[in-house]
Amino acid sequence: MRSLIRVKQIFCRSVSRSVVFLLLLCAGAYAATAASFLDNGLGARSEGLARTFTAVADDLDAFYYNPAGYGLQKKTRANTLFARNRNIESVYYAGYGSRLGRGYAAFNLYSSSIDGIPVMELDSKNRPVDTGQSFSAVDRVFVFSYGRPLDGLPGSTELGASALSWGVSVKYIQQTLYDNHASGAGLDAGLLYRTGPLTAGWSVINLLEPQLAWDTDSGAVGTVKRQQRFGLAYRILPELLASGELVLRENDVLTGLGVEYTLRDIFALRGGIFTEHYVLGLGLVYAGISLDYAYLIPLDYLVDPTQKISLGYVF
């Protein structure tokens, strides 16, 4: 079933620019994989680590992988992202996080869109005719996250008083396809334990499996499936980080391995392999400003590579 859905996604994304009546097929795929845009990863740094970020979770990307990462953060951060997924889908992201009481709070907005899709109609001989109109397919998620350390536990970390933290994210998902809309709310939760050079993370994404109800005549409802993420990260040297990830998503088991080498806390080289792609990444940090780049190459080569650029600032 999932392989069929995957074929539908690739097919719809590649042909919907020319034939709008095929949206009926696309809508079936979208309903079966509600909010599938949320499976496309996030920022350029975490992507450069091949999405092995559940146990790293030390910047604003934590909300996507493991909100417990916020519990061990103290610095105020802002971050943005631009990406071209498979060279047809534009992705934008903006986030801000800072201390709140004894914990850390962050607000993030993630948006994905395919623009300029022509509206076609069928004539009397079932041939597509261009109407001269166009539309966009737009997906958005608004996320508020909060993380907090748990005191009095064994372990050590340079990022906070405790080695163990918890975090939760509340999110509101919106999807638009032509004149139809769907929306729903979700919840994520996670734990993060850091002791010396070793960090372990666990998170449950879409804990309550959000229901996205479409405003169509049929009242179609899509379910955003729950997934679990398990991660380990080990700082081999002060400048060398290795991380691994296991993701349980419906009937799929996804794995990843990533490495990051940082030179004088200024320049970073990243690389790794995820179940679905290879990745290479670069990073530059100067005067609190970070610039990251990731290049994802699909293993099946059925779609174009994805490029992501993130710009962030630490106050």
Protein backbone atom coordinates (compact mmCIF):
# COMPACT_ATOMS: atom_id res chain seq x y z
CA MET A 1 0.00 0.00 0.00
CA ARG A 2 2.74 2.46 0.94
CA SER A 3 4.63 1.77 -2.30
CA LEU A 4 1.44 2.58 -4.24
CA ILE A 5 1.03 5.80 -2.29
CA ARG A 6 4.66 6.70 -3.00
CA VAL A 7 4.09 6.21 -6.74
CA LYS A 8 0.96 8.39 -6.54
CA GLN A 9 2.86 11.15 -4.76
CA ILE A 10 5.63 11.20 -7.37
CA PHE A 11 3.10 11.00 -10.22
CA CYS A 12 0.87 13.76 -8.87
CA ARG A 13 3.74 16.11 -8.14
CA SER A 14 5.13 15.63 -11.64
CA VAL A 15 1.95 15.94 -13.71
CA SER A 16 -0.34 18.21 -11.73
CA ARG A 17 1.19 21.24 -13.38
CA SER A 18 -0.46 20.24 -16.66
CA VAL A 19 -3.68 18.36 -15.90
CA VAL A 20 -5.87 19.46 -13.02
CA PHE A 21 -8.48 16.72 -13.33
CA LEU A 22 -5.80 14.31 -12.11
CA LEU A 23 -6.22 16.03 -8.74
CA LEU A 24 -8.84 13.38 -8.06
CA LEU A 25 -6.03 10.84 -8.05
CA CYS A 26 -3.77 13.14 -6.07
CA ALA A 27 -6.48 13.81 -3.49
CA GLY A 28 -6.75 10.07 -2.89
CA ALA A 29 -3.03 9.87 -2.23
CA TYR A 30 -3.11 12.93 0.03
CA ALA A 31 -6.02 11.53 2.03
CA ALA A 32 -4.16 8.26 2.56
CA THR A 33 -1.01 10.14 3.64
CA ALA A 34 -2.44 13.17 5.42
CA ALA A 35 0.12 15.95 5.98
CA SER A 36 2.80 13.90 4.23
CA PHE A 37 4.73 17.16 3.74
CA LEU A 38 5.74 16.80 7.40
CA ASP A 39 7.85 13.78 6.47
CA ASN A 40 10.23 15.89 4.36
CA GLY A 41 12.67 16.88 7.12
CA LEU A 42 13.41 20.39 8.30
CA GLY A 43 16.48 22.64 8.55
CA ALA A 44 19.71 22.41 6.60
CA ARG A 45 21.80 21.45 9.64
CA SER A 46 19.60 18.54 10.72
CA GLU A 47 19.27 17.48 7.08
CA GLY A 48 23.06 17.61 6.74
CA LEU A 49 23.17 15.08 9.57
CA ALA A 50 20.84 12.83 7.54
CA ARG A 51 17.88 13.60 9.84
CA THR A 52 19.65 11.90 12.77
CA PHE A 53 18.67 14.74 15.09
CA THR A 54 16.48 13.20 17.79
CA ALA A 55 19.44 12.82 20.16
CA VAL A 56 21.18 16.04 19.02
CA ALA A 57 18.23 18.47 19.19
CA ASP A 58 20.40 21.42 20.24
CA ASP A 59 18.85 24.14 18.06
CA LEU A 60 15.39 25.20 16.86
CA ASP A 61 15.03 22.12 14.65
CA ALA A 62 14.33 20.24 17.90
CA PHE A 63 10.56 20.77 17.53
CA TYR A 64 10.50 18.56 14.43
CA TYR A 65 12.57 15.70 15.87
CA ASN A 66 12.39 15.88 19.65
CA PRO A 67 10.91 18.85 21.57
CA ALA A 68 12.75 17.66 24.70
CA GLY A 69 15.88 19.18 23.17
CA TYR A 70 14.54 22.59 24.17
CA GLY A 71 14.81 21.60 27.82
CA LEU A 72 18.61 21.77 27.64
CA GLN A 73 18.79 25.00 25.62
CA LYS A 74 19.32 28.45 27.13
CA LYS A 75 20.17 30.83 24.30
CA THR A 76 17.59 32.89 22.42
CA ARG A 77 17.50 31.77 18.79
CA ALA A 78 15.88 32.72 15.51
CA ASN A 79 16.02 30.65 12.34
CA THR A 80 14.73 30.62 8.77
CA LEU A 81 14.81 28.09 5.94
CA PHE A 82 14.28 27.99 2.19
CA ALA A 83 14.24 24.74 0.23
CA ARG A 84 13.31 23.32 -3.15
CA ASN A 85 12.08 19.78 -2.62
CA ARG A 86 12.53 17.69 -5.76
CA ASN A 87 12.77 20.96 -7.70
CA ILE A 88 8.98 21.50 -7.73
CA GLU A 89 7.99 22.22 -4.13
CA SER A 90 8.93 25.45 -2.32
CA VAL A 91 9.45 25.19 1.43
CA TYR A 92 9.72 28.05 3.93
CA TYR A 93 10.28 27.96 7.66
CA ALA A 94 10.71 30.51 10.44
CA GLY A 95 11.23 29.93 14.14
CA TYR A 96 12.01 31.74 17.38
CA GLY A 97 12.85 30.35 20.81
CA SER A 98 13.91 31.70 24.22
CA ARG A 99 13.88 30.93 27.94
CA LEU A 100 10.46 30.87 29.61
CA GLY A 101 10.51 30.40 33.37
CA ARG A 102 12.58 27.36 34.20
CA GLY A 103 12.16 26.00 30.69
CA TYR A 104 12.44 27.01 27.05
CA ALA A 105 9.66 27.88 24.60
CA ALA A 106 9.69 28.10 20.81
CA PHE A 107 7.24 29.05 18.08
CA ASN A 108 7.76 27.66 14.58
CA LEU A 109 5.96 28.05 11.26
CA TYR A 110 6.57 25.61 8.39
CA SER A 111 5.03 26.06 4.93
CA SER A 112 5.16 23.99 1.74
CA SER A 113 3.65 24.94 -1.62
CA ILE A 114 3.42 24.05 -5.29
CA ASP A 115 2.44 27.16 -7.26
CA GLY A 116 1.18 27.94 -10.75
CA ILE A 117 -0.69 24.69 -11.35
CA PRO A 118 -2.84 25.27 -14.49
CA VAL A 119 -6.58 24.63 -14.30
CA MET A 120 -7.57 22.25 -17.11
CA GLU A 121 -11.00 21.05 -18.18
CA LEU A 122 -12.08 18.11 -20.30
CA ASP A 123 -13.83 18.83 -23.58
CA SER A 124 -16.53 16.68 -25.19
CA LYS A 125 -13.86 14.22 -26.37
CA ASN A 126 -12.22 13.98 -22.94
CA ARG A 127 -9.23 16.04 -24.03
CA PRO A 128 -7.68 18.52 -21.58
CA VAL A 129 -8.24 22.19 -22.39
CA ASP A 130 -6.35 25.01 -20.65
CA THR A 131 -8.70 27.50 -18.99
CA GLY A 132 -5.98 30.12 -18.51
CA GLN A 133 -6.36 29.92 -14.72
CA SER A 134 -4.01 28.46 -12.13
CA PHE A 135 -3.95 27.59 -8.43
CA SER A 136 -1.61 26.50 -5.64
CA ALA A 137 -1.41 23.53 -3.31
CA VAL A 138 -0.34 24.83 0.11
CA ASP A 139 0.42 23.04 3.39
CA ARG A 140 1.23 24.77 6.70
CA VAL A 141 1.88 23.84 10.29
CA PHE A 142 2.07 26.18 13.29
CA VAL A 143 3.93 24.70 16.27
CA PHE A 144 4.35 25.85 19.86
CA SER A 145 6.91 23.85 21.85
CA TYR A 146 8.03 23.84 25.45
CA GLY A 147 10.89 21.92 27.06
CA ARG A 148 12.16 21.75 30.59
CA PRO A 149 15.02 19.99 32.42
CA LEU A 150 14.42 17.52 35.22
CA ASP A 151 16.68 18.22 38.20
CA GLY A 152 18.47 15.91 40.62
CA LEU A 153 19.36 13.16 38.15
CA PRO A 154 22.82 11.66 37.50
CA GLY A 155 24.80 12.81 34.51
CA SER A 156 26.51 15.92 33.22
CA THR A 157 25.92 18.40 30.45
CA GLU A 158 27.36 21.72 29.46
CA LEU A 159 23.93 22.90 28.27
CA GLY A 160 21.98 22.81 31.53
CA ALA A 161 21.80 21.81 35.17
CA SER A 162 20.26 18.44 34.43
CA ALA A 163 21.08 15.68 31.98
CA LEU A 164 17.44 14.74 31.45
CA SER A 165 14.73 16.89 29.91
CA TRP A 166 11.20 16.55 28.58
CA GLY A 167 9.36 18.49 25.92
CA VAL A 168 6.00 18.76 24.18
CA SER A 169 4.78 20.41 20.99
CA VAL A 170 1.24 21.48 20.15
CA LYS A 171 0.67 21.98 16.42
CA TYR A 172 -2.06 23.14 14.09
CA ILE A 173 -1.98 21.72 10.56
CA GLN A 174 -3.59 23.29 7.49
CA GLN A 175 -3.77 21.92 3.94
CA THR A 176 -5.21 23.54 0.82
CA LEU A 177 -5.80 21.81 -2.52
CA TYR A 178 -7.50 23.95 -5.18
CA ASP A 179 -10.66 25.28 -3.46
CA ASN A 180 -10.70 22.74 -0.65
CA HIS A 181 -9.19 22.95 2.82
CA ALA A 182 -8.39 20.63 5.70
CA SER A 183 -7.15 21.30 9.21
CA GLY A 184 -6.48 19.58 12.50
CA ALA A 185 -4.40 19.76 15.70
CA GLY A 186 -1.67 17.43 16.95
CA LEU A 187 0.65 16.74 19.85
CA ASP A 188 4.29 15.58 20.01
CA ALA A 189 6.30 14.60 23.10
CA GLY A 190 9.84 13.49 23.86
CA LEU A 191 12.65 12.80 26.32
CA LEU A 192 16.36 13.58 26.05
CA TYR A 193 19.18 12.27 28.26
CA ARG A 194 22.72 13.55 28.00
CA THR A 195 25.67 12.32 30.02
CA GLY A 196 29.20 13.32 29.08
CA PRO A 197 29.73 12.76 25.35
CA LEU A 198 26.70 10.48 24.96
CA THR A 199 23.12 11.59 24.31
CA ALA A 200 20.00 9.48 23.86
CA GLY A 201 16.64 10.73 22.65
CA TRP A 202 13.14 9.36 22.18
CA SER A 203 10.07 11.10 20.80
CA VAL A 204 6.54 10.27 19.74
CA ILE A 205 5.35 12.41 16.84
CA ASN A 206 1.60 12.81 16.22
CA LEU A 207 0.90 11.18 19.56
CA LEU A 208 -2.89 11.42 19.18
CA GLU A 209 -2.92 10.86 15.39
CA PRO A 210 -4.52 14.15 14.26
CA GLN A 211 -7.59 13.99 12.03
CA LEU A 212 -7.65 16.42 9.09
CA ALA A 213 -11.22 17.00 7.93
CA TRP A 214 -11.66 18.26 4.35
CA ASP A 215 -14.48 20.68 3.50
CA THR A 216 -15.54 18.58 0.50
CA ASP A 217 -19.02 17.21 -0.23
CA SER A 218 -17.83 13.77 0.84
CA GLY A 219 -16.33 15.12 4.06
CA ALA A 220 -13.12 13.14 3.59
CA VAL A 221 -10.94 12.80 6.69
CA GLY A 222 -7.22 12.08 6.62
CA THR A 223 -5.27 10.67 9.55
CA VAL A 224 -1.75 11.86 10.34
CA LYS A 225 -0.08 8.65 11.47
CA ARG A 226 1.89 8.35 14.69
CA GLN A 227 5.63 7.75 14.50
CA GLN A 228 8.36 7.08 17.03
CA ARG A 229 11.94 8.29 16.77
CA PHE A 230 14.92 6.84 18.66
CA GLY A 231 18.33 8.49 18.48
CA LEU A 232 21.87 8.21 19.82
CA ALA A 233 24.61 10.81 19.46
CA TYR A 234 28.22 10.58 20.57
CA ARG A 235 30.81 13.35 20.58
CA ILE A 236 33.91 11.40 19.61
CA LEU A 237 36.08 14.50 19.78
CA PRO A 238 35.18 18.08 20.73
CA GLU A 239 34.96 18.84 17.01
CA LEU A 240 33.52 15.49 15.80
CA LEU A 241 29.92 14.37 16.35
CA ALA A 242 28.37 11.08 15.19
CA SER A 243 24.65 10.36 15.40
CA GLY A 244 22.21 7.61 14.49
CA GLU A 245 18.44 7.41 14.13
CA LEU A 246 15.69 4.80 14.02
CA VAL A 247 12.20 5.89 12.91
CA LEU A 248 9.10 3.70 13.16
CA ARG A 249 6.47 5.13 10.81
CA GLU A 250 3.38 3.05 10.02
CA ASN A 251 4.77 -0.12 8.40
CA ASP A 252 8.14 1.48 7.61
CA VAL A 253 11.39 1.32 9.54
CA LEU A 254 13.70 4.18 8.57
CA THR A 255 17.33 4.47 9.65
CA GLY A 256 20.04 7.08 9.35
CA LEU A 257 23.67 7.74 10.19
CA GLY A 258 25.25 11.20 10.19
CA VAL A 259 28.51 12.92 11.10
CA GLU A 260 29.47 16.54 11.70
CA TYR A 261 33.02 17.89 11.84
CA THR A 262 33.44 21.44 13.13
CA LEU A 263 36.62 23.42 12.59
CA ARG A 264 37.31 26.07 15.26
CA ASP A 265 33.59 26.43 15.95
CA ILE A 266 33.29 28.33 12.67
CA PHE A 267 33.11 25.93 9.73
CA ALA A 268 31.27 22.59 9.63
CA LEU A 269 31.25 19.65 7.23
CA ARG A 270 28.36 17.18 7.40
CA GLY A 271 27.30 14.03 5.66
CA GLY A 272 25.32 10.86 6.06
CA ILE A 273 22.84 8.40 4.68
CA PHE A 274 19.14 8.07 5.40
CA THR A 275 16.86 5.29 4.23
CA GLU A 276 15.61 7.48 1.38
CA HIS A 277 18.67 9.54 0.42
CA TYR A 278 22.32 10.46 0.73
CA VAL A 279 23.16 13.92 2.03
CA LEU A 280 26.05 16.38 2.11
CA GLY A 281 26.07 19.57 4.15
CA LEU A 282 28.06 22.68 5.00
CA GLY A 283 27.83 25.14 7.87
CA LEU A 284 29.31 28.51 8.77
CA VAL A 285 28.99 30.32 12.11
CA TYR A 286 30.29 33.84 12.74
CA ALA A 287 29.29 36.48 15.33
CA GLY A 288 26.18 34.53 16.26
CA ILE A 289 25.00 34.17 12.65
CA SER A 290 24.76 30.65 11.20
CA LEU A 291 24.43 29.71 7.55
CA ASP A 292 23.79 26.06 6.66
CA TYR A 293 23.36 24.21 3.38
CA ALA A 294 22.24 20.64 2.64
CA TYR A 295 22.07 18.69 -0.62
CA LEU A 296 19.91 15.55 -0.63
CA ILE A 297 20.28 12.91 -3.33
CA PRO A 298 17.40 10.37 -3.50
CA LEU A 299 18.54 6.76 -3.45
CA ASP A 300 15.98 5.75 -6.08
CA TYR A 301 16.86 8.68 -8.41
CA LEU A 302 13.16 8.89 -9.39
CA VAL A 303 12.92 12.54 -8.37
CA ASP A 304 15.28 15.50 -8.43
CA PRO A 305 17.67 16.24 -5.56
CA THR A 306 16.57 18.61 -2.80
CA GLN A 307 18.53 21.68 -1.70
CA LYS A 308 18.03 23.46 1.62
CA ILE A 309 19.48 26.70 2.99
CA SER A 310 19.02 27.83 6.60
CA LEU A 311 19.93 31.16 8.17
CA GLY A 312 19.92 31.54 11.94
CA TYR A 313 20.96 33.90 14.71
CA VAL A 314 21.86 33.27 18.36
CA PHE A 315 21.30 36.28 20.61
